[in-house]
Amino acid sequence: MKKSTALRRSATTGRFVTRPLGKSKAAKFAKVEGVTISPKSAKMLEIYTDRGLKGDALRSVITGRFVTKKSK
């Protein structure tokens, strides 16, 4: 572990800049919180990551699958 960690700020906005956690750290947080993924969700995640989707594209596809559409 590094002794000193520098906090980065955006040059344009001055806000702190963070990096995404990543899959392994997110899994560790989920384990601590007791959150589990259903088999259906795990299969869907595997399918879309195998297709090469990452980040926002992956999130939007998965949330789109769970949203129920209102019928007219």
C-alpha atoms as a PDB file:
ATOM      1  CA  MET A   1       0.000   0.000   0.000  1.00  0.00           C
ATOM      2  CA  LYS A   2       1.243   3.448  -0.829  1.00  0.00           C
ATOM      3  CA  LYS A   3       2.186   5.757   2.024  1.00  0.00           C
ATOM      4  CA  SER A   4       0.955   8.947   0.416  1.00  0.00           C
ATOM      5  CA  THR A   5      -2.039   9.211  -1.820  1.00  0.00           C
ATOM      6  CA  ALA A   6      -2.540  12.350  -3.833  1.00  0.00           C
ATOM      7  CA  LEU A   7      -6.065  13.594  -4.342  1.00  0.00           C
ATOM      8  CA  ARG A   8      -6.699  14.700  -7.879  1.00  0.00           C
ATOM      9  CA  ARG A   9      -8.875  17.598  -8.906  1.00  0.00           C
ATOM     10  CA  SER A  10     -10.332  18.377 -12.266  1.00  0.00           C
ATOM     11  CA  ALA A  11      -8.564  21.259 -13.968  1.00  0.00           C
ATOM     12  CA  THR A  12     -11.797  22.705 -15.339  1.00  0.00           C
ATOM     13  CA  THR A  13     -14.291  22.219 -12.489  1.00  0.00           C
ATOM     14  CA  GLY A  14     -12.023  21.955  -9.449  1.00  0.00           C
ATOM     15  CA  ARG A  15     -13.990  18.934  -8.206  1.00  0.00           C
ATOM     16  CA  PHE A  16     -12.342  15.779  -6.981  1.00  0.00           C
ATOM     17  CA  VAL A  17     -11.840  13.157  -9.662  1.00  0.00           C
ATOM     18  CA  THR A  18     -12.423   9.525  -8.799  1.00  0.00           C
ATOM     19  CA  ARG A  19     -11.846   6.364 -10.737  1.00  0.00           C
ATOM     20  CA  PRO A  20     -14.393   3.545 -11.085  1.00  0.00           C
ATOM     21  CA  LEU A  21     -14.098   0.877  -8.401  1.00  0.00           C
ATOM     22  CA  GLY A  22     -13.829  -2.060 -10.732  1.00  0.00           C
ATOM     23  CA  LYS A  23     -15.457  -5.455 -10.660  1.00  0.00           C
ATOM     24  CA  SER A  24     -13.310  -7.050  -7.936  1.00  0.00           C
ATOM     25  CA  LYS A  25     -13.706  -4.203  -5.431  1.00  0.00           C
ATOM     26  CA  ALA A  26     -17.428  -3.956  -6.143  1.00  0.00           C
ATOM     27  CA  ALA A  27     -17.722  -7.690  -5.418  1.00  0.00           C
ATOM     28  CA  LYS A  28     -15.915  -7.201  -2.093  1.00  0.00           C
ATOM     29  CA  PHE A  29     -18.277  -4.372  -1.099  1.00  0.00           C
ATOM     30  CA  ALA A  30     -21.265  -6.502  -2.058  1.00  0.00           C
ATOM     31  CA  LYS A  31     -19.975  -9.391   0.048  1.00  0.00           C
ATOM     32  CA  VAL A  32     -19.535  -7.141   3.094  1.00  0.00           C
ATOM     33  CA  GLU A  33     -23.011  -5.662   2.651  1.00  0.00           C
ATOM     34  CA  GLY A  34     -24.565  -9.096   2.139  1.00  0.00           C
ATOM     35  CA  VAL A  35     -25.811  -8.315  -1.362  1.00  0.00           C
ATOM     36  CA  THR A  36     -26.134 -11.277  -3.691  1.00  0.00           C
ATOM     37  CA  ILE A  37     -26.923 -11.496  -7.390  1.00  0.00           C
ATOM     38  CA  SER A  38     -29.812 -13.648  -8.535  1.00  0.00           C
ATOM     39  CA  PRO A  39     -29.030 -16.417 -11.033  1.00  0.00           C
ATOM     40  CA  LYS A  40     -31.035 -14.550 -13.701  1.00  0.00           C
ATOM     41  CA  SER A  41     -29.016 -11.365 -13.151  1.00  0.00           C
ATOM     42  CA  ALA A  42     -25.719 -13.260 -13.129  1.00  0.00           C
ATOM     43  CA  LYS A  43     -26.577 -14.932 -16.443  1.00  0.00           C
ATOM     44  CA  MET A  44     -27.601 -11.588 -17.978  1.00  0.00           C
ATOM     45  CA  LEU A  45     -24.372  -9.958 -16.787  1.00  0.00           C
ATOM     46  CA  GLU A  46     -22.322 -12.785 -18.259  1.00  0.00           C
ATOM     47  CA  ILE A  47     -24.118 -12.584 -21.620  1.00  0.00           C
ATOM     48  CA  TYR A  48     -23.640  -8.837 -22.036  1.00  0.00           C
ATOM     49  CA  THR A  49     -20.029  -8.764 -20.836  1.00  0.00           C
ATOM     50  CA  ASP A  50     -19.235 -11.550 -23.297  1.00  0.00           C
ATOM     51  CA  ARG A  51     -20.644  -9.300 -26.013  1.00  0.00           C
ATOM     52  CA  GLY A  52     -18.083  -6.692 -25.026  1.00  0.00           C
ATOM     53  CA  LEU A  53     -20.272  -4.168 -23.230  1.00  0.00           C
ATOM     54  CA  LYS A  54     -18.670  -2.180 -20.421  1.00  0.00           C
ATOM     55  CA  GLY A  55     -19.496   0.713 -18.135  1.00  0.00           C
ATOM     56  CA  ASP A  56     -22.464   2.900 -18.998  1.00  0.00           C
ATOM     57  CA  ALA A  57     -23.506   0.802 -21.998  1.00  0.00           C
ATOM     58  CA  LEU A  58     -23.667  -2.330 -19.845  1.00  0.00           C
ATOM     59  CA  ARG A  59     -25.613  -0.536 -17.103  1.00  0.00           C
ATOM     60  CA  SER A  60     -28.145   0.910 -19.515  1.00  0.00           C
ATOM     61  CA  VAL A  61     -28.800  -2.456 -21.196  1.00  0.00           C
ATOM     62  CA  ILE A  62     -29.266  -4.233 -17.874  1.00  0.00           C
ATOM     63  CA  THR A  63     -31.560  -1.571 -16.417  1.00  0.00           C
ATOM     64  CA  GLY A  64     -33.510  -1.585 -19.680  1.00  0.00           C
ATOM     65  CA  ARG A  65     -34.163  -5.298 -19.219  1.00  0.00           C
ATOM     66  CA  PHE A  66     -35.688  -4.726 -15.763  1.00  0.00           C
ATOM     67  CA  VAL A  67     -37.846  -1.717 -16.623  1.00  0.00           C
ATOM     68  CA  THR A  68     -41.448  -2.599 -17.311  1.00  0.00           C
ATOM     69  CA  LYS A  69     -42.955  -0.768 -20.234  1.00  0.00           C
ATOM     70  CA  LYS A  70     -46.339   0.878 -19.833  1.00  0.00           C
ATOM     71  CA  SER A  71     -48.893  -0.243 -22.383  1.00  0.00           C
ATOM     72  CA  LYS A  72     -51.064   2.368 -24.085  1.00  0.00           C
END
